[in-house]
Amino acid sequence: FSRFALGVWWDNFRGNSIPKQKKRARQLIKILTKLGPAYIKIGQAL
């Protein structure tokens, strides 16, 4: 999650957060899936 947050911050800092959203979204899905059921539930709610 820290690495993901840092990546989002870096995208914003460089001004290309919108083009990178798809990539960051897939990264988030991989994180939630790997962490397991409790975190998948959070993703489902979102």
All heavy atoms as atom14 arrays in JSON, in Angstrom:
{
  "sequence": "FSRFALGVWWDNFRGNSIPKQKKRARQLIKILTKLGPAYIKIGQAL",
  "atom14_mask": [
    [1, 1, 1, 1, 1, 1, 1, 1, 1, 1, 1, 0, 0, 0],
    [1, 1, 1, 1, 1, 1, 0, 0, 0, 0, 0, 0, 0, 0],
    [1, 1, 1, 1, 1, 1, 1, 1, 1, 1, 1, 0, 0, 0],
    [1, 1, 1, 1, 1, 1, 1, 1, 1, 1, 1, 0, 0, 0],
    [1, 1, 1, 1, 1, 0, 0, 0, 0, 0, 0, 0, 0, 0],
    [1, 1, 1, 1, 1, 1, 1, 1, 0, 0, 0, 0, 0, 0],
    [1, 1, 1, 1, 0, 0, 0, 0, 0, 0, 0, 0, 0, 0],
    [1, 1, 1, 1, 1, 1, 1, 0, 0, 0, 0, 0, 0, 0],
    [1, 1, 1, 1, 1, 1, 1, 1, 1, 1, 1, 1, 1, 1],
    [1, 1, 1, 1, 1, 1, 1, 1, 1, 1, 1, 1, 1, 1],
    [1, 1, 1, 1, 1, 1, 1, 1, 0, 0, 0, 0, 0, 0],
    [1, 1, 1, 1, 1, 1, 1, 1, 0, 0, 0, 0, 0, 0],
    [1, 1, 1, 1, 1, 1, 1, 1, 1, 1, 1, 0, 0, 0],
    [1, 1, 1, 1, 1, 1, 1, 1, 1, 1, 1, 0, 0, 0],
    [1, 1, 1, 1, 0, 0, 0, 0, 0, 0, 0, 0, 0, 0],
    [1, 1, 1, 1, 1, 1, 1, 1, 0, 0, 0, 0, 0, 0],
    [1, 1, 1, 1, 1, 1, 0, 0, 0, 0, 0, 0, 0, 0],
    [1, 1, 1, 1, 1, 1, 1, 1, 0, 0, 0, 0, 0, 0],
    [1, 1, 1, 1, 1, 1, 1, 0, 0, 0, 0, 0, 0, 0],
    [1, 1, 1, 1, 1, 1, 1, 1, 1, 0, 0, 0, 0, 0],
    [1, 1, 1, 1, 1, 1, 1, 1, 1, 0, 0, 0, 0, 0],
    [1, 1, 1, 1, 1, 1, 1, 1, 1, 0, 0, 0, 0, 0],
    [1, 1, 1, 1, 1, 1, 1, 1, 1, 0, 0, 0, 0, 0],
    [1, 1, 1, 1, 1, 1, 1, 1, 1, 1, 1, 0, 0, 0],
    [1, 1, 1, 1, 1, 0, 0, 0, 0, 0, 0, 0, 0, 0],
    [1, 1, 1, 1, 1, 1, 1, 1, 1, 1, 1, 0, 0, 0],
    [1, 1, 1, 1, 1, 1, 1, 1, 1, 0, 0, 0, 0, 0],
    [1, 1, 1, 1, 1, 1, 1, 1, 0, 0, 0, 0, 0, 0],
    [1, 1, 1, 1, 1, 1, 1, 1, 0, 0, 0, 0, 0, 0],
    [1, 1, 1, 1, 1, 1, 1, 1, 1, 0, 0, 0, 0, 0],
    [1, 1, 1, 1, 1, 1, 1, 1, 0, 0, 0, 0, 0, 0],
    [1, 1, 1, 1, 1, 1, 1, 1, 0, 0, 0, 0, 0, 0],
    [1, 1, 1, 1, 1, 1, 1, 0, 0, 0, 0, 0, 0, 0],
    [1, 1, 1, 1, 1, 1, 1, 1, 1, 0, 0, 0, 0, 0],
    [1, 1, 1, 1, 1, 1, 1, 1, 0, 0, 0, 0, 0, 0],
    [1, 1, 1, 1, 0, 0, 0, 0, 0, 0, 0, 0, 0, 0],
    [1, 1, 1, 1, 1, 1, 1, 0, 0, 0, 0, 0, 0, 0],
    [1, 1, 1, 1, 1, 0, 0, 0, 0, 0, 0, 0, 0, 0],
    [1, 1, 1, 1, 1, 1, 1, 1, 1, 1, 1, 1, 0, 0],
    [1, 1, 1, 1, 1, 1, 1, 1, 0, 0, 0, 0, 0, 0],
    [1, 1, 1, 1, 1, 1, 1, 1, 1, 0, 0, 0, 0, 0],
    [1, 1, 1, 1, 1, 1, 1, 1, 0, 0, 0, 0, 0, 0],
    [1, 1, 1, 1, 0, 0, 0, 0, 0, 0, 0, 0, 0, 0],
    [1, 1, 1, 1, 1, 1, 1, 1, 1, 0, 0, 0, 0, 0],
    [1, 1, 1, 1, 1, 0, 0, 0, 0, 0, 0, 0, 0, 0],
    [1, 1, 1, 1, 1, 1, 1, 1, 0, 0, 0, 0, 0, 0]
  ],
  "atom14_positions": [
    [[0.83, -1.21, 0.0], [0.0, 0.0, 0.0], [0.87, 1.26, 0.0], [0.52, 2.27, -0.63], [-0.95, 0.01, 1.2], [-2.21, -0.79, 0.99], [-2.54, -1.83, 1.83], [-3.08, -0.49, -0.05], [-3.7, -2.57, 1.64], [-4.24, -1.22, -0.26], [-4.55, -2.27, 0.59], [0.0, 0.0, 0.0], [0.0, 0.0, 0.0], [0.0, 0.0, 0.0]],
    [[2.0, 1.22, 0.71], [2.9, 2.36, 0.73], [3.48, 2.6, -0.65], [3.58, 3.74, -1.12], [4.03, 2.13, 1.75], [3.5, 1.98, 3.05], [0.0, 0.0, 0.0], [0.0, 0.0, 0.0], [0.0, 0.0, 0.0], [0.0, 0.0, 0.0], [0.0, 0.0, 0.0], [0.0, 0.0, 0.0], [0.0, 0.0, 0.0], [0.0, 0.0, 0.0]],
    [[3.86, 1.52, -1.31], [4.41, 1.65, -2.66], [3.36, 2.18, -3.63], [3.65, 3.02, -4.49], [4.94, 0.3, -3.14], [5.8, 0.39, -4.4], [6.49, -0.91, -4.7], [5.52, -1.95, -5.05], [5.86, -3.17, -5.48], [7.14, -3.51, -5.57], [4.95, -4.05, -5.78], [0.0, 0.0, 0.0], [0.0, 0.0, 0.0], [0.0, 0.0, 0.0]],
    [[2.13, 1.72, -3.47], [1.04, 2.21, -4.31], [0.8, 3.7, -4.07], [0.68, 4.49, -5.04], [-0.24, 1.42, -4.0], [-1.48, 1.97, -4.64], [-1.73, 1.79, -5.99], [-2.41, 2.69, -3.88], [-2.87, 2.31, -6.58], [-3.55, 3.21, -4.47], [-3.78, 3.02, -5.82], [0.0, 0.0, 0.0], [0.0, 0.0, 0.0], [0.0, 0.0, 0.0]],
    [[0.74, 4.11, -2.8], [0.51, 5.53, -2.47], [1.64, 6.4, -3.01], [1.4, 7.51, -3.53], [0.38, 5.7, -0.97], [0.0, 0.0, 0.0], [0.0, 0.0, 0.0], [0.0, 0.0, 0.0], [0.0, 0.0, 0.0], [0.0, 0.0, 0.0], [0.0, 0.0, 0.0], [0.0, 0.0, 0.0], [0.0, 0.0, 0.0], [0.0, 0.0, 0.0]],
    [[2.87, 5.92, -2.9], [4.02, 6.67, -3.42], [3.92, 6.82, -4.93], [4.21, 7.9, -5.49], [5.32, 5.95, -3.04], [6.63, 6.66, -3.43], [6.72, 8.01, -2.71], [7.82, 5.77, -3.08], [0.0, 0.0, 0.0], [0.0, 0.0, 0.0], [0.0, 0.0, 0.0], [0.0, 0.0, 0.0], [0.0, 0.0, 0.0], [0.0, 0.0, 0.0]],
    [[3.47, 5.76, -5.62], [3.31, 5.83, -7.06], [2.26, 6.84, -7.47], [2.45, 7.61, -8.44], [0.0, 0.0, 0.0], [0.0, 0.0, 0.0], [0.0, 0.0, 0.0], [0.0, 0.0, 0.0], [0.0, 0.0, 0.0], [0.0, 0.0, 0.0], [0.0, 0.0, 0.0], [0.0, 0.0, 0.0], [0.0, 0.0, 0.0], [0.0, 0.0, 0.0]],
    [[1.14, 6.87, -6.75], [0.08, 7.84, -7.05], [0.58, 9.26, -6.82], [0.33, 10.17, -7.63], [-1.17, 7.56, -6.18], [-2.2, 8.68, -6.33], [-1.79, 6.21, -6.54], [0.0, 0.0, 0.0], [0.0, 0.0, 0.0], [0.0, 0.0, 0.0], [0.0, 0.0, 0.0], [0.0, 0.0, 0.0], [0.0, 0.0, 0.0], [0.0, 0.0, 0.0]],
    [[1.33, 9.45, -5.71], [1.9, 10.78, -5.43], [2.86, 11.21, -6.55], [2.84, 12.35, -6.99], [2.62, 10.75, -4.09], [3.35, 12.03, -3.8], [2.83, 13.17, -3.25], [4.74, 12.31, -4.08], [3.8, 14.15, -3.17], [4.98, 13.65, -3.68], [5.78, 11.58, -4.64], [6.23, 14.26, -3.81], [7.03, 12.18, -4.77], [7.24, 13.5, -4.36]],
    [[3.69, 10.29, -7.01], [4.65, 10.6, -8.06], [3.94, 10.96, -9.38], [4.36, 11.88, -10.08], [5.6, 9.43, -8.26], [6.66, 9.65, -9.3], [6.79, 9.03, -10.51], [7.76, 10.58, -9.21], [7.89, 9.5, -11.19], [8.51, 10.45, -10.41], [8.17, 11.49, -8.24], [9.64, 11.21, -10.66], [9.31, 12.25, -8.5], [10.03, 12.1, -9.69]],
    [[2.86, 10.23, -9.67], [2.09, 10.55, -10.87], [1.51, 11.96, -10.79], [1.54, 12.72, -11.77], [0.94, 9.55, -11.06], [1.45, 8.15, -11.39], [2.6, 8.03, -11.83], [0.68, 7.18, -11.2], [0.0, 0.0, 0.0], [0.0, 0.0, 0.0], [0.0, 0.0, 0.0], [0.0, 0.0, 0.0], [0.0, 0.0, 0.0], [0.0, 0.0, 0.0]],
    [[0.99, 12.31, -9.63], [0.43, 13.65, -9.43], [1.52, 14.72, -9.53], [1.32, 15.79, -10.1], [-0.27, 13.75, -8.08], [-1.56, 12.95, -8.04], [-2.22, 12.79, -9.07], [-1.93, 12.45, -6.88], [0.0, 0.0, 0.0], [0.0, 0.0, 0.0], [0.0, 0.0, 0.0], [0.0, 0.0, 0.0], [0.0, 0.0, 0.0], [0.0, 0.0, 0.0]],
    [[2.68, 14.41, -8.95], [3.8, 15.36, -8.95], [4.26, 15.65, -10.38], [4.59, 16.79, -10.73], [4.95, 14.78, -8.12], [6.16, 15.67, -8.06], [6.18, 16.8, -7.25], [7.29, 15.37, -8.83], [7.29, 17.62, -7.21], [8.41, 16.18, -8.78], [8.41, 17.31, -7.98], [0.0, 0.0, 0.0], [0.0, 0.0, 0.0], [0.0, 0.0, 0.0]],
    [[4.24, 14.61, -11.22], [4.7, 14.78, -12.61], [3.58, 15.25, -13.54], [3.82, 15.49, -14.73], [5.28, 13.47, -13.12], [6.52, 13.0, -12.36], [7.1, 11.75, -12.96], [7.54, 11.97, -14.35], [7.94, 11.0, -15.17], [7.95, 9.74, -14.74], [8.33, 11.27, -16.39], [0.0, 0.0, 0.0], [0.0, 0.0, 0.0], [0.0, 0.0, 0.0]],
    [[2.38, 15.35, -13.01], [1.28, 15.86, -13.8], [0.68, 14.89, -14.78], [-0.01, 15.31, -15.72], [0.0, 0.0, 0.0], [0.0, 0.0, 0.0], [0.0, 0.0, 0.0], [0.0, 0.0, 0.0], [0.0, 0.0, 0.0], [0.0, 0.0, 0.0], [0.0, 0.0, 0.0], [0.0, 0.0, 0.0], [0.0, 0.0, 0.0], [0.0, 0.0, 0.0]],
    [[0.92, 13.6, -14.61], [0.33, 12.61, -15.54], [-0.48, 11.57, -14.78], [-0.45, 10.39, -15.1], [1.43, 11.95, -16.38], [2.43, 11.19, -15.53], [2.38, 11.27, -14.3], [3.34, 10.46, -16.16], [0.0, 0.0, 0.0], [0.0, 0.0, 0.0], [0.0, 0.0, 0.0], [0.0, 0.0, 0.0], [0.0, 0.0, 0.0], [0.0, 0.0, 0.0]],
    [[-1.21, 12.02, -13.76], [-1.99, 11.08, -12.94], [-3.15, 10.47, -13.74], [-3.47, 9.29, -13.56], [-2.54, 11.78, -11.7], [-3.37, 12.88, -12.08], [0.0, 0.0, 0.0], [0.0, 0.0, 0.0], [0.0, 0.0, 0.0], [0.0, 0.0, 0.0], [0.0, 0.0, 0.0], [0.0, 0.0, 0.0], [0.0, 0.0, 0.0], [0.0, 0.0, 0.0]],
    [[-3.78, 11.26, -14.64], [-4.92, 10.74, -15.4], [-4.49, 9.61, -16.35], [-5.1, 8.53, -16.35], [-5.62, 11.88, -16.17], [-6.13, 12.95, -15.19], [-6.77, 11.31, -17.0], [-7.12, 12.45, -14.18], [0.0, 0.0, 0.0], [0.0, 0.0, 0.0], [0.0, 0.0, 0.0], [0.0, 0.0, 0.0], [0.0, 0.0, 0.0], [0.0, 0.0, 0.0]],
    [[-3.44, 9.81, -17.17], [-3.02, 8.71, -18.06], [-2.58, 7.45, -17.31], [-2.68, 6.35, -17.85], [-1.84, 9.31, -18.84], [-2.02, 10.78, -18.74], [-2.65, 11.03, -17.42], [0.0, 0.0, 0.0], [0.0, 0.0, 0.0], [0.0, 0.0, 0.0], [0.0, 0.0, 0.0], [0.0, 0.0, 0.0], [0.0, 0.0, 0.0], [0.0, 0.0, 0.0]],
    [[-2.13, 7.63, -16.07], [-1.6, 6.49, -15.31], [-2.68, 5.79, -14.46], [-2.38, 4.8, -13.8], [-0.48, 6.97, -14.38], [0.79, 7.43, -15.11], [1.64, 6.24, -15.47], [3.01, 6.68, -15.98], [3.87, 5.54, -16.3], [0.0, 0.0, 0.0], [0.0, 0.0, 0.0], [0.0, 0.0, 0.0], [0.0, 0.0, 0.0], [0.0, 0.0, 0.0]],
    [[-3.9, 6.34, -14.47], [-4.93, 5.79, -13.57], [-5.2, 4.32, -13.84], [-5.37, 3.53, -12.9], [-6.23, 6.6, -13.7], [-6.29, 7.79, -12.78], [-7.67, 8.39, -12.72], [-8.59, 8.0, -13.45], [-7.85, 9.36, -11.84], [0.0, 0.0, 0.0], [0.0, 0.0, 0.0], [0.0, 0.0, 0.0], [0.0, 0.0, 0.0], [0.0, 0.0, 0.0]],
    [[-5.26, 3.94, -15.1], [-5.56, 2.55, -15.45], [-4.49, 1.62, -14.88], [-4.79, 0.57, -14.29], [-5.62, 2.41, -16.97], [-6.26, 1.13, -17.46], [-7.77, 1.22, -17.37], [-8.43, 0.03, -18.03], [-9.89, 0.06, -17.86], [0.0, 0.0, 0.0], [0.0, 0.0, 0.0], [0.0, 0.0, 0.0], [0.0, 0.0, 0.0], [0.0, 0.0, 0.0]],
    [[-3.23, 2.03, -15.03], [-2.13, 1.23, -14.52], [-2.19, 1.13, -13.0], [-2.02, 0.04, -12.42], [-0.8, 1.85, -14.95], [0.42, 1.16, -14.38], [1.71, 1.89, -14.75], [2.93, 1.25, -14.07], [4.17, 2.0, -14.39], [0.0, 0.0, 0.0], [0.0, 0.0, 0.0], [0.0, 0.0, 0.0], [0.0, 0.0, 0.0], [0.0, 0.0, 0.0]],
    [[-2.45, 2.25, -12.34], [-2.53, 2.24, -10.86], [-3.73, 1.43, -10.38], [-3.67, 0.76, -9.35], [-2.63, 3.67, -10.34], [-1.41, 4.53, -10.62], [-0.15, 3.94, -10.03], [1.04, 4.71, -10.38], [2.27, 4.28, -10.22], [2.5, 3.06, -9.75], [3.29, 5.04, -10.56], [0.0, 0.0, 0.0], [0.0, 0.0, 0.0], [0.0, 0.0, 0.0]],
    [[-4.83, 1.48, -11.12], [-6.01, 0.7, -10.74], [-5.71, -0.79, -10.78], [-6.08, -1.54, -9.87], [-7.18, 1.04, -11.66], [0.0, 0.0, 0.0], [0.0, 0.0, 0.0], [0.0, 0.0, 0.0], [0.0, 0.0, 0.0], [0.0, 0.0, 0.0], [0.0, 0.0, 0.0], [0.0, 0.0, 0.0], [0.0, 0.0, 0.0], [0.0, 0.0, 0.0]],
    [[-5.01, -1.22, -11.83], [-4.64, -2.64, -11.92], [-3.68, -3.02, -10.8], [-3.75, -4.13, -10.26], [-4.02, -2.92, -13.29], [-5.02, -2.9, -14.43], [-4.35, -2.97, -15.77], [-5.32, -2.92, -16.86], [-5.02, -2.57, -18.09], [-3.77, -2.23, -18.41], [-5.95, -2.55, -19.03], [0.0, 0.0, 0.0], [0.0, 0.0, 0.0], [0.0, 0.0, 0.0]],
    [[-2.78, -2.1, -10.46], [-1.85, -2.35, -9.36], [-2.63, -2.54, -8.05], [-2.33, -3.44, -7.26], [-0.88, -1.18, -9.23], [0.17, -1.36, -8.12], [1.05, -0.12, -7.96], [0.95, 0.83, -8.75], [1.89, -0.12, -6.95], [0.0, 0.0, 0.0], [0.0, 0.0, 0.0], [0.0, 0.0, 0.0], [0.0, 0.0, 0.0], [0.0, 0.0, 0.0]],
    [[-3.65, -1.69, -7.83], [-4.46, -1.8, -6.62], [-5.2, -3.13, -6.58], [-5.29, -3.77, -5.51], [-5.45, -0.63, -6.56], [-6.4, -0.61, -5.37], [-5.63, -0.53, -4.05], [-7.4, 0.54, -5.48], [0.0, 0.0, 0.0], [0.0, 0.0, 0.0], [0.0, 0.0, 0.0], [0.0, 0.0, 0.0], [0.0, 0.0, 0.0], [0.0, 0.0, 0.0]],
    [[-5.74, -3.56, -7.72], [-6.47, -4.83, -7.77], [-5.54, -5.98, -7.39], [-5.92, -6.89, -6.63], [-7.05, -5.06, -9.18], [-8.08, -3.99, -9.51], [-7.68, -6.45, -9.28], [-9.2, -3.86, -8.53], [0.0, 0.0, 0.0], [0.0, 0.0, 0.0], [0.0, 0.0, 0.0], [0.0, 0.0, 0.0], [0.0, 0.0, 0.0], [0.0, 0.0, 0.0]],
    [[-4.31, -5.96, -7.9], [-3.36, -7.02, -7.56], [-3.05, -7.03, -6.07], [-2.94, -8.1, -5.45], [-2.06, -6.82, -8.36], [-2.2, -7.14, -9.84], [-0.88, -6.93, -10.58], [-1.02, -7.24, -12.07], [0.24, -7.0, -12.8], [0.0, 0.0, 0.0], [0.0, 0.0, 0.0], [0.0, 0.0, 0.0], [0.0, 0.0, 0.0], [0.0, 0.0, 0.0]],
    [[-2.91, -5.85, -5.48], [-2.63, -5.75, -4.04], [-3.79, -6.34, -3.25], [-3.59, -7.19, -2.35], [-2.39, -4.28, -3.64], [-1.09, -3.77, -4.25], [-2.34, -4.15, -2.12], [-0.89, -2.27, -4.09], [0.0, 0.0, 0.0], [0.0, 0.0, 0.0], [0.0, 0.0, 0.0], [0.0, 0.0, 0.0], [0.0, 0.0, 0.0], [0.0, 0.0, 0.0]],
    [[-5.02, -5.91, -3.55], [-6.19, -6.38, -2.8], [-6.38, -7.88, -2.96], [-6.69, -8.59, -1.99], [-7.44, -5.63, -3.28], [-7.48, -4.12, -3.0], [-8.71, -3.5, -3.64], [-7.45, -3.83, -1.51], [0.0, 0.0, 0.0], [0.0, 0.0, 0.0], [0.0, 0.0, 0.0], [0.0, 0.0, 0.0], [0.0, 0.0, 0.0], [0.0, 0.0, 0.0]],
    [[-6.2, -8.37, -4.18], [-6.37, -9.8, -4.45], [-5.33, -10.62, -3.68], [-5.66, -11.66, -3.09], [-6.25, -10.08, -5.95], [-7.25, -9.32, -6.65], [-6.47, -11.55, -6.24], [0.0, 0.0, 0.0], [0.0, 0.0, 0.0], [0.0, 0.0, 0.0], [0.0, 0.0, 0.0], [0.0, 0.0, 0.0], [0.0, 0.0, 0.0], [0.0, 0.0, 0.0]],
    [[-4.09, -10.15, -3.69], [-3.03, -10.89, -3.01], [-3.22, -10.89, -1.5], [-2.93, -11.89, -0.82], [-1.67, -10.28, -3.37], [-0.49, -11.08, -2.84], [0.83, -10.51, -3.34], [2.01, -11.34, -2.8], [3.31, -10.78, -3.27], [0.0, 0.0, 0.0], [0.0, 0.0, 0.0], [0.0, 0.0, 0.0], [0.0, 0.0, 0.0], [0.0, 0.0, 0.0]],
    [[-3.73, -9.79, -0.97], [-3.91, -9.69, 0.48], [-5.05, -10.57, 0.98], [-5.09, -10.92, 2.15], [-4.15, -8.24, 0.88], [-2.93, -7.32, 0.79], [-3.3, -5.9, 1.14], [-1.79, -7.82, 1.69], [0.0, 0.0, 0.0], [0.0, 0.0, 0.0], [0.0, 0.0, 0.0], [0.0, 0.0, 0.0], [0.0, 0.0, 0.0], [0.0, 0.0, 0.0]],
    [[-6.01, -10.89, 0.13], [-7.01, -11.88, 0.53], [-8.4, -11.34, 0.78], [-8.7, -10.17, 0.5], [0.0, 0.0, 0.0], [0.0, 0.0, 0.0], [0.0, 0.0, 0.0], [0.0, 0.0, 0.0], [0.0, 0.0, 0.0], [0.0, 0.0, 0.0], [0.0, 0.0, 0.0], [0.0, 0.0, 0.0], [0.0, 0.0, 0.0], [0.0, 0.0, 0.0]],
    [[-9.28, -12.19, 1.33], [-10.73, -11.92, 1.41], [-11.11, -10.6, 2.08], [-11.98, -9.9, 1.58], [-11.26, -13.11, 2.22], [-10.26, -14.2, 2.01], [-8.94, -13.51, 1.86], [0.0, 0.0, 0.0], [0.0, 0.0, 0.0], [0.0, 0.0, 0.0], [0.0, 0.0, 0.0], [0.0, 0.0, 0.0], [0.0, 0.0, 0.0], [0.0, 0.0, 0.0]],
    [[-10.48, -10.27, 3.22], [-10.88, -9.07, 3.94], [-10.69, -7.83, 3.08], [-11.53, -6.91, 3.08], [-10.09, -8.95, 5.24], [0.0, 0.0, 0.0], [0.0, 0.0, 0.0], [0.0, 0.0, 0.0], [0.0, 0.0, 0.0], [0.0, 0.0, 0.0], [0.0, 0.0, 0.0], [0.0, 0.0, 0.0], [0.0, 0.0, 0.0], [0.0, 0.0, 0.0]],
    [[-9.6, -7.79, 2.33], [-9.3, -6.61, 1.52], [-10.07, -6.63, 0.21], [-10.39, -5.58, -0.34], [-7.78, -6.53, 1.29], [-7.06, -6.34, 2.6], [-6.65, -7.43, 3.36], [-6.86, -5.07, 3.11], [-6.03, -7.25, 4.59], [-6.24, -4.88, 4.34], [-5.83, -5.98, 5.07], [-5.23, -5.79, 6.29], [0.0, 0.0, 0.0], [0.0, 0.0, 0.0]],
    [[-10.38, -7.81, -0.27], [-11.24, -7.91, -1.45], [-12.63, -7.35, -1.13], [-13.25, -6.68, -1.96], [-11.33, -9.37, -1.92], [-9.97, -9.82, -2.49], [-12.42, -9.53, -2.98], [-9.88, -11.3, -2.78], [0.0, 0.0, 0.0], [0.0, 0.0, 0.0], [0.0, 0.0, 0.0], [0.0, 0.0, 0.0], [0.0, 0.0, 0.0], [0.0, 0.0, 0.0]],
    [[-13.11, -7.61, 0.09], [-14.4, -7.07, 0.52], [-14.39, -5.54, 0.47], [-15.38, -4.91, 0.07], [-14.73, -7.54, 1.94], [-15.08, -9.0, 2.05], [-16.45, -9.27, 1.48], [-16.84, -10.73, 1.62], [-18.1, -11.02, 0.89], [0.0, 0.0, 0.0], [0.0, 0.0, 0.0], [0.0, 0.0, 0.0], [0.0, 0.0, 0.0], [0.0, 0.0, 0.0]],
    [[-13.28, -4.94, 0.89], [-13.17, -3.48, 0.84], [-13.26, -3.01, -0.61], [-13.95, -2.04, -0.93], [-11.86, -3.02, 1.5], [-11.86, -3.37, 2.99], [-11.63, -1.53, 1.29], [-10.54, -3.14, 3.68], [0.0, 0.0, 0.0], [0.0, 0.0, 0.0], [0.0, 0.0, 0.0], [0.0, 0.0, 0.0], [0.0, 0.0, 0.0], [0.0, 0.0, 0.0]],
    [[-12.53, -3.69, -1.49], [-12.57, -3.33, -2.91], [-13.95, -3.48, -3.51], [-14.38, -2.66, -4.34], [0.0, 0.0, 0.0], [0.0, 0.0, 0.0], [0.0, 0.0, 0.0], [0.0, 0.0, 0.0], [0.0, 0.0, 0.0], [0.0, 0.0, 0.0], [0.0, 0.0, 0.0], [0.0, 0.0, 0.0], [0.0, 0.0, 0.0], [0.0, 0.0, 0.0]],
    [[-14.68, -4.53, -3.11], [-16.04, -4.74, -3.61], [-16.95, -3.58, -3.19], [-17.78, -3.12, -3.98], [-16.6, -6.06, -3.09], [-15.99, -7.29, -3.73], [-16.49, -8.58, -3.1], [-17.03, -8.58, -1.99], [-16.31, -9.69, -3.79], [0.0, 0.0, 0.0], [0.0, 0.0, 0.0], [0.0, 0.0, 0.0], [0.0, 0.0, 0.0], [0.0, 0.0, 0.0]],
    [[-16.8, -3.12, -1.94], [-17.6, -1.99, -1.47], [-17.3, -0.73, -2.29], [-18.21, 0.01, -2.68], [-17.35, -1.75, 0.01], [0.0, 0.0, 0.0], [0.0, 0.0, 0.0], [0.0, 0.0, 0.0], [0.0, 0.0, 0.0], [0.0, 0.0, 0.0], [0.0, 0.0, 0.0], [0.0, 0.0, 0.0], [0.0, 0.0, 0.0], [0.0, 0.0, 0.0]],
    [[-16.03, -0.49, -2.58], [-15.65, 0.68, -3.38], [-16.14, 0.57, -4.82], [-16.41, 1.59, -5.47], [-14.13, 0.85, -3.37], [-13.5, 1.29, -2.04], [-11.98, 1.26, -2.15], [-13.98, 2.68, -1.65], [0.0, 0.0, 0.0], [0.0, 0.0, 0.0], [0.0, 0.0, 0.0], [0.0, 0.0, 0.0], [0.0, 0.0, 0.0], [0.0, 0.0, 0.0]]
  ]
}
